[in-house]
Amino acid sequence: MTKNEDINKEEELKEKEEDLKEEDSTENQCSEESNKDREIEELNSKLVRLQADFVNFKKRAEKDKESTIIYATEEFLCQLLPILDNFERAIESEANKDDGFYQGVEMIYQQLIKLLNDNGVEEIKAVGETFDPNYHHAVFMEESTDHKEGTIIEVFQKGYVLKDKVIRPSMVKVAK
């Protein structure tokens, strides 16, 4: 081989090496870009999950706060129910319904009922309804030809619900 041929081969080898280096650098750039893209996608995915977790946390915290407020008054309302019962007994026992004192007590009773209703307390309907152990407490059972079996005949003590929770079941007499 001649010197020129050696030089040409060396030049060719150098060119091939340079081409390979360029290909490697191009591949490295592509792989770096794809790694960066992958990393960006992972970070975006984490961000979206984190935002969703935060929104869920906010909703859960708000719901817990609302239920705490609603049911925080439950004990107070339960203590108020015997007073309501006594108002009803006083109103029922009065013979003179035209008396000013009676009418004043009736007005206070109506205000108390309105206050309870405004705070989510409602009376459980009982007389004529079918007995439901979730809402009623049967203290008597009586044979009855006038009523279907399982029907509530009489209420001894009214029951109440706070929103969707029974705070005092109705004490009732049931037909059998």
Protein backbone atom coordinates (compact mmCIF):
# COMPACT_ATOMS: atom_id res chain seq x y z
CA MET A 1 0.00 0.00 0.00
CA THR A 2 1.10 3.41 -0.75
CA LYS A 3 1.32 6.31 1.49
CA ASN A 4 -1.61 8.02 -0.22
CA GLU A 5 -3.76 4.99 0.23
CA ASP A 6 -2.85 4.86 3.91
CA ILE A 7 -3.73 8.51 4.29
CA ASN A 8 -7.02 7.97 2.46
CA LYS A 9 -7.88 5.01 4.68
CA GLU A 10 -7.01 7.02 7.76
CA GLU A 11 -9.17 9.86 6.53
CA GLU A 12 -12.01 7.46 5.84
CA LEU A 13 -11.63 5.95 9.29
CA LYS A 14 -11.63 9.42 10.85
CA GLU A 15 -14.74 10.33 8.88
CA LYS A 16 -16.45 7.12 10.00
CA GLU A 17 -15.46 7.82 13.58
CA GLU A 18 -16.83 11.35 13.30
CA ASP A 19 -20.04 10.01 11.74
CA LEU A 20 -20.37 7.50 14.58
CA LYS A 21 -19.72 10.24 17.14
CA GLU A 22 -22.37 12.43 15.50
CA GLU A 23 -24.83 9.51 15.49
CA ASP A 24 -24.05 8.80 19.14
CA SER A 25 -24.49 12.45 20.06
CA THR A 26 -27.76 12.57 18.09
CA GLU A 27 -28.92 9.39 19.82
CA ASN A 28 -27.84 10.79 23.17
CA GLN A 29 -29.74 14.01 22.46
CA CYS A 30 -32.82 11.99 21.46
CA SER A 31 -32.57 9.77 24.52
CA GLU A 32 -32.00 12.83 26.74
CA GLU A 33 -35.04 14.51 25.18
CA SER A 34 -37.16 11.39 25.62
CA ASN A 35 -35.93 11.08 29.23
CA LYS A 36 -36.83 14.72 29.81
CA ASP A 37 -40.24 14.19 28.18
CA ARG A 38 -40.82 11.14 30.35
CA GLU A 39 -39.78 13.06 33.45
CA ILE A 40 -42.06 15.97 32.52
CA GLU A 41 -44.97 13.53 32.03
CA GLU A 42 -44.27 11.90 35.41
CA LEU A 43 -44.14 15.28 37.14
CA ASN A 44 -47.38 16.39 35.44
CA SER A 45 -49.02 13.15 36.49
CA LYS A 46 -47.87 13.63 40.09
CA LEU A 47 -49.13 17.21 40.04
CA VAL A 48 -52.56 16.15 38.76
CA ARG A 49 -52.82 13.44 41.45
CA LEU A 50 -51.71 15.89 44.12
CA GLN A 51 -54.33 18.43 42.99
CA ALA A 52 -57.03 15.74 43.03
CA ASP A 53 -55.96 14.63 46.52
CA PHE A 54 -56.12 18.21 47.73
CA VAL A 55 -59.60 18.75 46.27
CA ASN A 56 -60.78 15.50 47.91
CA PHE A 57 -59.23 16.56 51.21
CA LYS A 58 -60.99 19.94 51.02
CA LYS A 59 -64.34 18.29 50.32
CA ARG A 60 -63.85 15.77 53.14
CA ALA A 61 -62.84 18.52 55.58
CA GLU A 62 -65.87 20.63 54.63
CA LYS A 63 -68.20 17.66 55.02
CA ASP A 64 -66.69 16.81 58.42
CA LYS A 65 -67.07 20.43 59.50
CA GLU A 66 -70.74 20.50 58.45
CA SER A 67 -71.54 17.23 60.22
CA THR A 68 -69.73 18.43 63.35
CA ILE A 69 -71.80 21.60 63.38
CA ILE A 70 -75.05 19.73 62.74
CA TYR A 71 -74.51 17.03 65.32
CA ALA A 72 -72.79 19.24 67.92
CA THR A 73 -76.22 20.53 68.87
CA GLU A 74 -77.63 17.01 69.20
CA GLU A 75 -77.02 16.73 72.95
CA PHE A 76 -78.55 20.14 73.59
CA LEU A 77 -81.58 19.30 71.49
CA CYS A 78 -82.04 15.97 73.30
CA GLN A 79 -82.08 17.87 76.60
CA LEU A 80 -84.67 20.24 75.17
CA LEU A 81 -87.12 17.48 74.16
CA PRO A 82 -88.46 16.76 77.71
CA ILE A 83 -89.22 20.48 78.04
CA LEU A 84 -91.14 20.28 74.77
CA ASP A 85 -93.05 17.26 76.14
CA ASN A 86 -93.99 19.25 79.25
CA PHE A 87 -95.23 22.13 77.10
CA GLU A 88 -97.46 19.69 75.20
CA ARG A 89 -98.81 18.19 78.43
CA ALA A 90 -99.55 21.68 79.81
CA ILE A 91 -101.38 22.68 76.63
CA GLU A 92 -103.41 19.44 76.54
CA SER A 93 -104.39 19.70 80.21
CA GLU A 94 -105.76 23.24 79.96
CA ALA A 95 -109.54 23.32 79.79
CA ASN A 96 -110.00 27.02 79.01
CA LYS A 97 -108.47 27.48 75.55
CA ASP A 98 -109.60 31.14 75.36
CA ASP A 99 -107.53 32.16 78.38
CA GLY A 100 -104.71 34.64 77.66
CA PHE A 101 -102.23 32.57 79.69
CA TYR A 102 -103.04 29.48 77.63
CA GLN A 103 -102.59 31.41 74.39
CA GLY A 104 -99.21 32.75 75.60
CA VAL A 105 -98.01 29.23 76.43
CA GLU A 106 -99.28 28.05 73.02
CA MET A 107 -97.30 30.82 71.30
CA ILE A 108 -94.11 29.87 73.18
CA TYR A 109 -94.70 26.23 72.23
CA GLN A 110 -95.10 27.18 68.55
CA GLN A 111 -91.88 29.23 68.68
CA LEU A 112 -90.06 26.28 70.19
CA ILE A 113 -91.36 23.96 67.47
CA LYS A 114 -90.30 26.45 64.78
CA LEU A 115 -86.83 26.78 66.33
CA LEU A 116 -86.40 22.99 66.34
CA ASN A 117 -87.62 22.70 62.73
CA ASP A 118 -85.28 25.47 61.62
CA ASN A 119 -82.39 23.49 63.15
CA GLY A 120 -83.29 20.25 61.36
CA VAL A 121 -85.32 18.56 64.10
CA GLU A 122 -88.57 16.99 62.95
CA GLU A 123 -91.20 14.89 64.65
CA ILE A 124 -91.44 11.25 63.62
CA LYS A 125 -94.90 10.52 62.24
CA ALA A 126 -96.37 7.58 64.10
CA VAL A 127 -100.16 7.17 64.54
CA GLY A 128 -101.59 5.18 61.64
CA GLU A 129 -98.10 4.39 60.28
CA THR A 130 -96.58 0.92 60.01
CA PHE A 131 -94.28 0.08 62.91
CA ASP A 132 -90.59 0.58 62.03
CA PRO A 133 -88.07 -0.39 64.73
CA ASN A 134 -85.64 2.19 63.34
CA TYR A 135 -88.04 5.00 64.29
CA HIS A 136 -90.40 3.52 66.87
CA HIS A 137 -90.05 1.80 70.24
CA ALA A 138 -93.03 -0.50 70.89
CA VAL A 139 -93.97 -0.57 74.59
CA PHE A 140 -97.41 -2.18 74.16
CA MET A 141 -99.09 -4.51 71.70
CA GLU A 142 -102.86 -4.67 71.61
CA GLU A 143 -105.36 -6.83 69.79
CA SER A 144 -107.29 -4.67 67.34
CA THR A 145 -109.99 -5.37 64.81
CA ASP A 146 -109.97 -1.77 63.55
CA HIS A 147 -106.30 -1.68 62.59
CA LYS A 148 -104.06 -3.84 60.46
CA GLU A 149 -101.36 -5.80 62.28
CA GLY A 150 -98.19 -3.76 62.78
CA THR A 151 -100.01 -0.42 62.64
CA ILE A 152 -99.29 2.13 65.36
CA ILE A 153 -102.43 2.82 67.40
CA GLU A 154 -101.19 5.30 69.98
CA VAL A 155 -98.11 7.40 70.78
CA PHE A 156 -96.94 7.66 74.40
CA GLN A 157 -93.91 9.83 73.67
CA LYS A 158 -93.14 11.60 70.40
CA GLY A 159 -89.95 10.74 68.59
CA TYR A 160 -87.67 13.11 66.72
CA VAL A 161 -85.03 13.01 64.00
CA LEU A 162 -82.15 15.45 63.53
CA LYS A 163 -81.54 15.70 59.78
CA ASP A 164 -81.38 11.95 59.00
CA LYS A 165 -80.48 10.66 62.48
CA VAL A 166 -83.01 9.46 65.06
CA ILE A 167 -82.30 11.34 68.29
CA ARG A 168 -85.29 9.88 70.14
CA PRO A 169 -87.56 7.07 68.87
CA SER A 170 -91.33 7.30 69.36
CA MET A 171 -92.72 5.19 72.21
CA VAL A 172 -95.84 3.58 70.74
CA LYS A 173 -98.64 1.03 71.08
CA VAL A 174 -98.86 -1.35 68.12
CA ALA A 175 -101.83 -3.38 66.83
CA LYS A 176 -101.41 -7.13 66.65
